[in-house]
PDB file of N, CA and C in Angstrom:
ATOM      1  N   UNK A   1      76.781  57.201  75.063  1.00  0.00           N
ATOM      2  CA  UNK A   1      77.080  57.033  73.825  1.00  0.00           C
ATOM      3  C   UNK A   1      76.240  57.659  72.817  1.00  0.00           C
ATOM      4  N   UNK A   2      75.083  58.513  73.039  1.00  0.00           N
ATOM      5  CA  UNK A   2      74.022  59.214  72.713  1.00  0.00           C
ATOM      6  C   UNK A   2      74.519  60.909  72.271  1.00  0.00           C
ATOM      7  N   UNK A   3      75.545  60.963  72.658  1.00  0.00           N
ATOM      8  CA  UNK A   3      76.650  62.270  72.686  1.00  0.00           C
ATOM      9  C   UNK A   3      77.304  62.316  71.326  1.00  0.00           C
ATOM     10  N   UNK A   4      77.811  60.912  71.494  1.00  0.00           N
ATOM     11  CA  UNK A   4      79.053  60.734  70.602  1.00  0.00           C
ATOM     12  C   UNK A   4      78.590  60.925  68.924  1.00  0.00           C
ATOM     13  N   UNK A   5      77.633  59.694  68.879  1.00  0.00           N
ATOM     14  CA  UNK A   5      76.880  59.913  67.795  1.00  0.00           C
ATOM     15  C   UNK A   5      76.631  61.265  67.700  1.00  0.00           C
ATOM     16  N   UNK A   6      76.074  61.866  68.149  1.00  0.00           N
ATOM     17  CA  UNK A   6      75.379  63.533  67.825  1.00  0.00           C
ATOM     18  C   UNK A   6      76.583  64.358  67.234  1.00  0.00           C
ATOM     19  N   UNK A   7      77.904  63.654  67.932  1.00  0.00           N
ATOM     20  CA  UNK A   7      78.866  64.685  66.810  1.00  0.00           C
ATOM     21  C   UNK A   7      79.347  64.023  66.046  1.00  0.00           C
ATOM     22  N   UNK A   8      79.593  62.705  65.807  1.00  0.00           N
ATOM     23  CA  UNK A   8      80.083  62.248  64.905  1.00  0.00           C
ATOM     24  C   UNK A   8      79.094  62.725  63.523  1.00  0.00           C
ATOM     25  N   UNK A   9      77.113  62.936  63.822  1.00  0.00           N
ATOM     26  CA  UNK A   9      76.405  63.652  62.750  1.00  0.00           C
ATOM     27  C   UNK A   9      76.682  64.785  62.330  1.00  0.00           C
ATOM     28  N   UNK A  10      77.185  65.188  63.636  1.00  0.00           N
ATOM     29  CA  UNK A  10      77.438  66.944  63.065  1.00  0.00           C
ATOM     30  C   UNK A  10      78.628  66.822  62.421  1.00  0.00           C
ATOM     31  N   UNK A  11      79.717  66.174  62.828  1.00  0.00           N
ATOM     32  CA  UNK A  11      80.726  66.545  61.599  1.00  0.00           C
ATOM     33  C   UNK A  11      80.367  65.909  60.127  1.00  0.00           C
ATOM     34  N   UNK A  12      79.938  65.584  59.837  1.00  0.00           N
ATOM     35  CA  UNK A  12      79.158  65.276  59.123  1.00  0.00           C
ATOM     36  C   UNK A  12      78.433  66.535  57.778  1.00  0.00           C
ATOM     37  N   UNK A  13      78.048  67.240  58.306  1.00  0.00           N
ATOM     38  CA  UNK A  13      77.073  68.518  57.897  1.00  0.00           C
ATOM     39  C   UNK A  13      78.539  69.348  57.485  1.00  0.00           C
ATOM     40  N   UNK A  14      77.563  69.753  56.831  1.00  0.00           N
ATOM     41  CA  UNK A  14      78.562  71.225  55.817  1.00  0.00           C
ATOM     42  C   UNK A  14      78.563  72.714  56.151  1.00  0.00           C
ATOM     43  N   UNK A  15      79.518  72.841  55.239  1.00  0.00           N
ATOM     44  CA  UNK A  15      79.896  75.089  55.676  1.00  0.00           C
ATOM     45  C   UNK A  15      78.835  75.664  55.139  1.00  0.00           C
ATOM     46  N   UNK A  16      78.158  76.659  55.088  1.00  0.00           N
ATOM     47  CA  UNK A  16      77.885  77.413  54.472  1.00  0.00           C
ATOM     48  C   UNK A  16      78.651  78.381  53.909  1.00  0.00           C
ATOM     49  N   UNK A  17      79.605  78.878  54.563  1.00  0.00           N
ATOM     50  CA  UNK A  17      81.027  79.361  54.560  1.00  0.00           C
ATOM     51  C   UNK A  17      81.745  78.700  53.677  1.00  0.00           C
ATOM     52  N   UNK A  18      82.819  77.656  53.767  1.00  0.00           N
ATOM     53  CA  UNK A  18      82.837  77.134  52.989  1.00  0.00           C
ATOM     54  C   UNK A  18      82.314  76.981  51.636  1.00  0.00           C
ATOM     55  N   UNK A  19      80.974  76.621  51.345  1.00  0.00           N
ATOM     56  CA  UNK A  19      80.620  76.610  50.411  1.00  0.00           C
ATOM     57  C   UNK A  19      80.060  77.279  49.154  1.00  0.00           C
ATOM     58  N   UNK A  20      80.030  78.740  50.283  1.00  0.00           N
ATOM     59  CA  UNK A  20      80.158  79.856  49.202  1.00  0.00           C
ATOM     60  C   UNK A  20      81.505  80.422  48.767  1.00  0.00           C
ATOM     61  N   UNK A  21      82.680  79.760  49.804  1.00  0.00           N
ATOM     62  CA  UNK A  21      83.981  80.118  49.273  1.00  0.00           C
ATOM     63  C   UNK A  21      84.676  79.428  47.910  1.00  0.00           C
ATOM     64  N   UNK A  22      83.725  77.868  48.130  1.00  0.00           N
ATOM     65  CA  UNK A  22      84.168  77.359  47.097  1.00  0.00           C
ATOM     66  C   UNK A  22      83.123  77.766  45.503  1.00  0.00           C
ATOM     67  N   UNK A  23      82.358  78.006  45.797  1.00  0.00           N
ATOM     68  CA  UNK A  23      81.065  78.973  44.891  1.00  0.00           C
ATOM     69  C   UNK A  23      81.697  80.131  44.101  1.00  0.00           C
ATOM     70  N   UNK A  24      81.993  80.711  44.472  1.00  0.00           N
ATOM     71  CA  UNK A  24      82.649  81.895  44.412  1.00  0.00           C
ATOM     72  C   UNK A  24      83.952  81.643  43.446  1.00  0.00           C
ATOM     73  N   UNK A  25      85.160  81.017  44.233  1.00  0.00           N
ATOM     74  CA  UNK A  25      86.257  80.893  43.900  1.00  0.00           C
ATOM     75  C   UNK A  25      86.821  80.137  42.498  1.00  0.00           C
ATOM     76  N   UNK A  26      85.841  78.465  42.820  1.00  0.00           N
ATOM     77  CA  UNK A  26      85.926  77.838  41.877  1.00  0.00           C
ATOM     78  C   UNK A  26      84.285  77.261  41.312  1.00  0.00           C
ATOM     79  N   UNK A  27      83.546  78.084  41.973  1.00  0.00           N
ATOM     80  CA  UNK A  27      82.286  77.483  41.573  1.00  0.00           C
ATOM     81  C   UNK A  27      81.982  77.551  39.846  1.00  0.00           C
ATOM     82  N   UNK A  28      83.068  78.021  38.831  1.00  0.00           N
ATOM     83  CA  UNK A  28      82.812  77.563  37.642  1.00  0.00           C
ATOM     84  C   UNK A  28      83.407  76.752  36.786  1.00  0.00           C
ATOM     85  N   UNK A  29      84.178  76.149  38.093  1.00  0.00           N
ATOM     86  CA  UNK A  29      83.958  74.460  38.079  1.00  0.00           C
ATOM     87  C   UNK A  29      83.586  73.218  38.624  1.00  0.00           C
ATOM     88  N   UNK A  30      82.303  74.026  39.183  1.00  0.00           N
ATOM     89  CA  UNK A  30      81.200  73.599  39.561  1.00  0.00           C
ATOM     90  C   UNK A  30      81.456  72.682  41.129  1.00  0.00           C
ATOM     91  N   UNK A  31      82.649  72.895  41.566  1.00  0.00           N
ATOM     92  CA  UNK A  31      83.365  72.224  42.858  1.00  0.00           C
ATOM     93  C   UNK A  31      82.185  72.850  44.107  1.00  0.00           C
ATOM     94  N   UNK A  32      81.910  73.863  44.226  1.00  0.00           N
ATOM     95  CA  UNK A  32      80.362  73.990  45.259  1.00  0.00           C
ATOM     96  C   UNK A  32      79.440  72.936  44.881  1.00  0.00           C
ATOM     97  N   UNK A  33      79.170  72.400  43.965  1.00  0.00           N
ATOM     98  CA  UNK A  33      78.040  71.390  43.612  1.00  0.00           C
ATOM     99  C   UNK A  33      79.114  70.159  44.215  1.00  0.00           C
ATOM    100  N   UNK A  34      79.927  69.982  44.116  1.00  0.00           N
ATOM    101  CA  UNK A  34      80.669  68.512  43.991  1.00  0.00           C
ATOM    102  C   UNK A  34      80.543  68.842  46.032  1.00  0.00           C
ATOM    103  N   UNK A  35      81.043  69.447  46.549  1.00  0.00           N
ATOM    104  CA  UNK A  35      81.139  69.326  47.958  1.00  0.00           C
ATOM    105  C   UNK A  35      79.775  69.645  48.903  1.00  0.00           C
ATOM    106  N   UNK A  36      78.881  70.242  48.005  1.00  0.00           N
ATOM    107  CA  UNK A  36      77.457  69.465  48.546  1.00  0.00           C
ATOM    108  C   UNK A  36      77.082  68.380  47.933  1.00  0.00           C
ATOM    109  N   UNK A  37      77.255  67.777  47.610  1.00  0.00           N
ATOM    110  CA  UNK A  37      77.404  66.451  46.792  1.00  0.00           C
ATOM    111  C   UNK A  37      76.026  66.291  46.172  1.00  0.00           C
ATOM    112  N   UNK A  38      76.195  67.230  45.208  1.00  0.00           N
ATOM    113  CA  UNK A  38      74.909  66.881  44.504  1.00  0.00           C
ATOM    114  C   UNK A  38      75.446  66.302  42.849  1.00  0.00           C
ATOM    115  N   UNK A  39      74.295  65.748  42.367  1.00  0.00           N
ATOM    116  CA  UNK A  39      74.470  65.116  41.495  1.00  0.00           C
ATOM    117  C   UNK A  39      74.611  65.592  39.977  1.00  0.00           C
ATOM    118  N   UNK A  40      75.513  65.758  39.344  1.00  0.00           N
ATOM    119  CA  UNK A  40      75.859  66.293  37.748  1.00  0.00           C
ATOM    120  C   UNK A  40      77.262  67.479  38.025  1.00  0.00           C
ATOM    121  N   UNK A  41      77.422  67.342  39.062  1.00  0.00           N
ATOM    122  CA  UNK A  41      78.456  68.668  39.079  1.00  0.00           C
ATOM    123  C   UNK A  41      79.872  68.968  38.371  1.00  0.00           C
ATOM    124  N   UNK A  42      79.748  67.393  37.246  1.00  0.00           N
ATOM    125  CA  UNK A  42      80.786  67.585  35.911  1.00  0.00           C
ATOM    126  C   UNK A  42      80.452  68.798  35.284  1.00  0.00           C
ATOM    127  N   UNK A  43      78.567  69.006  35.248  1.00  0.00           N
ATOM    128  CA  UNK A  43      78.399  69.453  33.943  1.00  0.00           C
ATOM    129  C   UNK A  43      78.428  70.371  33.940  1.00  0.00           C
ATOM    130  N   UNK A  44      79.283  71.278  35.179  1.00  0.00           N
ATOM    131  CA  UNK A  44      80.164  72.746  34.734  1.00  0.00           C
ATOM    132  C   UNK A  44      81.332  72.299  34.218  1.00  0.00           C
ATOM    133  N   UNK A  45      82.133  71.376  34.437  1.00  0.00           N
ATOM    134  CA  UNK A  45      83.269  71.403  34.026  1.00  0.00           C
ATOM    135  C   UNK A  45      83.474  70.994  32.257  1.00  0.00           C
ATOM    136  N   UNK A  46      82.219  70.350  31.671  1.00  0.00           N
ATOM    137  CA  UNK A  46      81.872  70.186  30.562  1.00  0.00           C
ATOM    138  C   UNK A  46      81.348  70.952  29.755  1.00  0.00           C
ATOM    139  N   UNK A  47      80.511  72.214  30.376  1.00  0.00           N
ATOM    140  CA  UNK A  47      80.073  73.234  29.496  1.00  0.00           C
ATOM    141  C   UNK A  47      80.769  74.057  29.470  1.00  0.00           C
ATOM    142  N   UNK A  48      81.798  74.494  30.438  1.00  0.00           N
ATOM    143  CA  UNK A  48      82.865  75.351  30.282  1.00  0.00           C
ATOM    144  C   UNK A  48      84.154  75.006  29.385  1.00  0.00           C
ATOM    145  N   UNK A  49      84.260  73.518  28.897  1.00  0.00           N
ATOM    146  CA  UNK A  49      84.718  72.811  28.145  1.00  0.00           C
ATOM    147  C   UNK A  49      85.171  73.300  26.895  1.00  0.00           C
ATOM    148  N   UNK A  50      83.307  73.132  26.647  1.00  0.00           N
ATOM    149  CA  UNK A  50      82.531  72.851  25.107  1.00  0.00           C
ATOM    150  C   UNK A  50      82.796  74.168  25.497  1.00  0.00           C
ATOM    151  N   UNK A  51      82.479  75.126  26.140  1.00  0.00           N
ATOM    152  CA  UNK A  51      82.256  76.782  25.425  1.00  0.00           C
ATOM    153  C   UNK A  51      83.867  77.321  25.245  1.00  0.00           C
ATOM    154  N   UNK A  52      84.973  77.187  26.018  1.00  0.00           N
ATOM    155  CA  UNK A  52      85.640  77.897  25.968  1.00  0.00           C
ATOM    156  C   UNK A  52      86.627  76.556  24.397  1.00  0.00           C
ATOM    157  N   UNK A  53      86.285  75.640  24.002  1.00  0.00           N
ATOM    158  CA  UNK A  53      86.864  75.287  22.954  1.00  0.00           C
ATOM    159  C   UNK A  53      86.031  75.881  21.461  1.00  0.00           C
ATOM    160  N   UNK A  54      84.645  76.005  21.552  1.00  0.00           N
ATOM    161  CA  UNK A  54      83.957  76.854  21.278  1.00  0.00           C
ATOM    162  C   UNK A  54      84.503  78.279  20.709  1.00  0.00           C
ATOM    163  N   UNK A  55      85.308  79.336  21.839  1.00  0.00           N
ATOM    164  CA  UNK A  55      84.734  80.440  21.417  1.00  0.00           C
ATOM    165  C   UNK A  55      85.189  81.459  20.264  1.00  0.00           C
ATOM    166  N   UNK A  56      85.936  80.210  19.453  1.00  0.00           N
ATOM    167  CA  UNK A  56      86.869  80.750  18.657  1.00  0.00           C
ATOM    168  C   UNK A  56      85.259  81.076  17.664  1.00  0.00           C
ATOM    169  N   UNK A  57      84.474  79.980  16.988  1.00  0.00           N
ATOM    170  CA  UNK A  57      83.143  80.820  16.029  1.00  0.00           C
ATOM    171  C   UNK A  57      81.852  80.828  16.848  1.00  0.00           C
ATOM    172  N   UNK A  58      82.755  81.626  18.082  1.00  0.00           N
ATOM    173  CA  UNK A  58      81.542  82.978  18.296  1.00  0.00           C
ATOM    174  C   UNK A  58      80.325  82.199  19.233  1.00  0.00           C
ATOM    175  N   UNK A  59      80.065  80.728  19.203  1.00  0.00           N
ATOM    176  CA  UNK A  59      79.093  80.276  19.991  1.00  0.00           C
ATOM    177  C   UNK A  59      79.930  79.942  21.209  1.00  0.00           C
ATOM    178  N   UNK A  60      81.453  79.971  21.941  1.00  0.00           N
ATOM    179  CA  UNK A  60      81.617  79.472  22.988  1.00  0.00           C
ATOM    180  C   UNK A  60      80.598  80.566  23.841  1.00  0.00           C
ATOM    181  N   UNK A  61      80.760  81.497  23.683  1.00  0.00           N
ATOM    182  CA  UNK A  61      80.563  82.982  24.675  1.00  0.00           C
ATOM    183  C   UNK A  61      79.261  82.604  24.697  1.00  0.00           C
ATOM    184  N   UNK A  62      78.427  82.455  24.165  1.00  0.00           N
ATOM    185  CA  UNK A  62      76.990  82.152  24.574  1.00  0.00           C
ATOM    186  C   UNK A  62      76.837  81.107  25.407  1.00  0.00           C
ATOM    187  N   UNK A  63      78.073  80.135  25.293  1.00  0.00           N
ATOM    188  CA  UNK A  63      77.876  78.526  26.054  1.00  0.00           C
ATOM    189  C   UNK A  63      78.157  79.430  27.476  1.00  0.00           C
ATOM    190  N   UNK A  64      79.369  80.314  27.469  1.00  0.00           N
ATOM    191  CA  UNK A  64      80.241  80.635  28.822  1.00  0.00           C
ATOM    192  C   UNK A  64      79.090  81.701  29.879  1.00  0.00           C
ATOM    193  N   UNK A  65      78.566  82.275  28.541  1.00  0.00           N
ATOM    194  CA  UNK A  65      77.179  83.554  29.230  1.00  0.00           C
ATOM    195  C   UNK A  65      76.146  82.313  30.080  1.00  0.00           C
ATOM    196  N   UNK A  66      75.579  81.662  29.338  1.00  0.00           N
ATOM    197  CA  UNK A  66      74.715  80.098  30.082  1.00  0.00           C
ATOM    198  C   UNK A  66      75.191  79.873  31.209  1.00  0.00           C
ATOM    199  N   UNK A  67      76.499  79.334  31.728  1.00  0.00           N
ATOM    200  CA  UNK A  67      77.286  79.014  32.257  1.00  0.00           C
ATOM    201  C   UNK A  67      77.490  80.164  33.551  1.00  0.00           C
ATOM    202  N   UNK A  68      77.935  81.225  33.357  1.00  0.00           N
ATOM    203  CA  UNK A  68      77.826  82.535  34.430  1.00  0.00           C
ATOM    204  C   UNK A  68      76.793  82.026  35.329  1.00  0.00           C
ATOM    205  N   UNK A  69      75.031  82.189  34.446  1.00  0.00           N
ATOM    206  CA  UNK A  69      73.926  82.558  35.061  1.00  0.00           C
ATOM    207  C   UNK A  69      73.635  81.285  35.609  1.00  0.00           C
ATOM    208  N   UNK A  70      73.957  80.454  35.612  1.00  0.00           N
ATOM    209  CA  UNK A  70      73.924  79.352  36.377  1.00  0.00           C
ATOM    210  C   UNK A  70      74.328  79.174  37.312  1.00  0.00           C
ATOM    211  N   UNK A  71      75.714  79.941  36.976  1.00  0.00           N
ATOM    212  CA  UNK A  71      76.655  79.969  38.650  1.00  0.00           C
ATOM    213  C   UNK A  71      75.792  80.788  39.683  1.00  0.00           C
ATOM    214  N   UNK A  72      74.955  81.931  38.930  1.00  0.00           N
ATOM    215  CA  UNK A  72      74.701  82.696  39.639  1.00  0.00           C
ATOM    216  C   UNK A  72      73.469  82.418  40.240  1.00  0.00           C
ATOM    217  N   UNK A  73      72.844  81.597  39.451  1.00  0.00           N
ATOM    218  CA  UNK A  73      71.409  80.998  40.161  1.00  0.00           C
ATOM    219  C   UNK A  73      71.686  80.078  41.240  1.00  0.00           C
ATOM    220  N   UNK A  74      72.818  79.115  40.882  1.00  0.00           N
ATOM    221  CA  UNK A  74      73.494  78.822  42.000  1.00  0.00           C
ATOM    222  C   UNK A  74      73.993  79.597  43.501  1.00  0.00           C
ATOM    223  N   UNK A  75      74.390  80.576  43.385  1.00  0.00           N
ATOM    224  CA  UNK A  75      75.038  81.381  44.773  1.00  0.00           C
ATOM    225  C   UNK A  75      73.258  81.801  45.415  1.00  0.00           C
ATOM    226  N   UNK A  76      72.568  82.109  44.592  1.00  0.00           N
ATOM    227  CA  UNK A  76      71.300  82.099  45.465  1.00  0.00           C
ATOM    228  C   UNK A  76      70.454  81.175  46.036  1.00  0.00           C
ATOM    229  N   UNK A  77      70.822  79.820  45.560  1.00  0.00           N
ATOM    230  CA  UNK A  77      70.261  78.272  45.679  1.00  0.00           C
ATOM    231  C   UNK A  77      70.770  77.571  47.010  1.00  0.00           C
ATOM    232  N   UNK A  78      72.587  77.753  47.014  1.00  0.00           N
ATOM    233  CA  UNK A  78      74.014  77.891  48.008  1.00  0.00           C
ATOM    234  C   UNK A  78      72.881  77.328  49.330  1.00  0.00           C
ATOM    235  N   UNK A  79      72.951  78.444  49.667  1.00  0.00           N
ATOM    236  CA  UNK A  79      72.209  78.251  51.431  1.00  0.00           C
ATOM    237  C   UNK A  79      71.031  77.038  51.797  1.00  0.00           C
ATOM    238  N   UNK A  80      70.499  77.597  50.744  1.00  0.00           N
ATOM    239  CA  UNK A  80      69.270  75.842  51.304  1.00  0.00           C
ATOM    240  C   UNK A  80      69.697  74.924  50.725  1.00  0.00           C
ATOM    241  N   UNK A  81      70.712  74.328  49.851  1.00  0.00           N
ATOM    242  CA  UNK A  81      70.667  73.288  49.780  1.00  0.00           C
ATOM    243  C   UNK A  81      71.558  72.745  50.485  1.00  0.00           C
ATOM    244  N   UNK A  82      72.797  73.961  51.694  1.00  0.00           N
ATOM    245  CA  UNK A  82      73.744  73.049  52.775  1.00  0.00           C
ATOM    246  C   UNK A  82      72.438  73.382  53.841  1.00  0.00           C
ATOM    247  N   UNK A  83      71.180  73.862  53.689  1.00  0.00           N
ATOM    248  CA  UNK A  83      70.844  73.292  55.231  1.00  0.00           C
ATOM    249  C   UNK A  83      70.063  72.031  55.334  1.00  0.00           C
ATOM    250  N   UNK A  84      69.559  71.935  54.042  1.00  0.00           N
ATOM    251  CA  UNK A  84      68.597  70.703  53.891  1.00  0.00           C
ATOM    252  C   UNK A  84      69.868  69.651  53.451  1.00  0.00           C
ATOM    253  N   UNK A  85      70.587  69.680  53.009  1.00  0.00           N
ATOM    254  CA  UNK A  85      71.650  68.724  53.030  1.00  0.00           C
ATOM    255  C   UNK A  85      71.800  68.162  54.814  1.00  0.00           C
ATOM    256  N   UNK A  86      71.910  69.700  55.761  1.00  0.00           N
ATOM    257  CA  UNK A  86      72.636  68.917  56.803  1.00  0.00           C
ATOM    258  C   UNK A  86      70.967  68.835  57.920  1.00  0.00           C
ATOM    259  N   UNK A  87      70.274  69.456  57.356  1.00  0.00           N
ATOM    260  CA  UNK A  87      69.007  68.379  58.047  1.00  0.00           C
ATOM    261  C   UNK A  87      68.666  67.046  57.577  1.00  0.00           C
ATOM    262  N   UNK A  88      68.972  66.893  57.021  1.00  0.00           N
ATOM    263  CA  UNK A  88      69.273  65.759  56.571  1.00  0.00           C
ATOM    264  C   UNK A  88      70.249  64.828  57.279  1.00  0.00           C
ATOM    265  N   UNK A  89      70.828  64.937  57.599  1.00  0.00           N
ATOM    266  CA  UNK A  89      71.965  64.742  58.560  1.00  0.00           C
ATOM    267  C   UNK A  89      71.704  64.177  59.878  1.00  0.00           C
ATOM    268  N   UNK A  90      70.523  65.341  60.208  1.00  0.00           N
ATOM    269  CA  UNK A  90      69.681  65.229  61.452  1.00  0.00           C
ATOM    270  C   UNK A  90      68.881  64.242  61.481  1.00  0.00           C
ATOM    271  N   UNK A  91      68.588  64.239  60.395  1.00  0.00           N
ATOM    272  CA  UNK A  91      67.205  63.633  60.333  1.00  0.00           C
ATOM    273  C   UNK A  91      67.503  61.868  60.272  1.00  0.00           C
ATOM    274  N   UNK A  92      68.682  61.838  60.218  1.00  0.00           N
ATOM    275  CA  UNK A  92      69.375  60.424  59.455  1.00  0.00           C
ATOM    276  C   UNK A  92      69.735  59.945  61.360  1.00  0.00           C
ATOM    277  N   UNK A  93      70.050  60.764  61.987  1.00  0.00           N
ATOM    278  CA  UNK A  93      70.516  60.341  63.178  1.00  0.00           C
ATOM    279  C   UNK A  93      68.946  60.659  63.989  1.00  0.00           C
ATOM    280  N   UNK A  94      68.215  61.172  63.844  1.00  0.00           N
ATOM    281  CA  UNK A  94      67.321  60.721  64.942  1.00  0.00           C
ATOM    282  C   UNK A  94      66.733  59.777  64.311  1.00  0.00           C
ATOM    283  N   UNK A  95      65.976  58.722  63.064  1.00  0.00           N
ATOM    284  CA  UNK A  95      65.690  57.489  62.676  1.00  0.00           C
ATOM    285  C   UNK A  95      67.220  56.882  63.453  1.00  0.00           C
ATOM    286  N   UNK A  96      68.087  56.682  63.480  1.00  0.00           N
ATOM    287  CA  UNK A  96      68.846  55.404  63.611  1.00  0.00           C
ATOM    288  C   UNK A  96      68.833  55.932  65.692  1.00  0.00           C
ATOM    289  N   UNK A  97      68.488  57.118  65.922  1.00  0.00           N
ATOM    290  CA  UNK A  97      68.390  56.938  67.469  1.00  0.00           C
ATOM    291  C   UNK A  97      67.400  56.319  68.316  1.00  0.00           C
ATOM    292  N   UNK A  98      66.570  56.478  67.322  1.00  0.00           N
ATOM    293  CA  UNK A  98      64.677  56.003  67.720  1.00  0.00           C
ATOM    294  C   UNK A  98      65.033  54.302  67.270  1.00  0.00           C
ATOM    295  N   UNK A  99      65.265  54.292  65.878  1.00  0.00           N
ATOM    296  CA  UNK A  99      65.581  52.068  66.058  1.00  0.00           C
ATOM    297  C   UNK A  99      66.504  51.663  66.981  1.00  0.00           C
ATOM    298  N   UNK A 100      67.097  52.262  67.676  1.00  0.00           N
ATOM    299  CA  UNK A 100      68.161  51.637  68.955  1.00  0.00           C
ATOM    300  C   UNK A 100      67.107  51.422  70.009  1.00  0.00           C
ATOM    301  N   UNK A 101      66.405  52.758  70.436  1.00  0.00           N
ATOM    302  CA  UNK A 101      65.592  52.516  71.212  1.00  0.00           C
ATOM    303  C   UNK A 101      64.409  52.095  71.235  1.00  0.00           C
TER     304      UNK A 101
END
């Protein structure tokens, strides 16, 4: 029974490769943040939309540059975010298996 629960916990873990693919191709929309279950993932969509709307008055370009910088920073932090999420899944499994015993 314990091995089955461990396999269930492992299936809840996130893939670093998939997180980086989402970051690279759909990161400007915040899909990597949605995948890693981070709060406020919708900020990417909101800021991007505001940036696109305001490009005609040139402020939008500054907003989009800021969004790009945030996207690059997320790229550097993404590996640790996924590792922490996966570690939390395993810690919850250990806590629940200790409670049963």
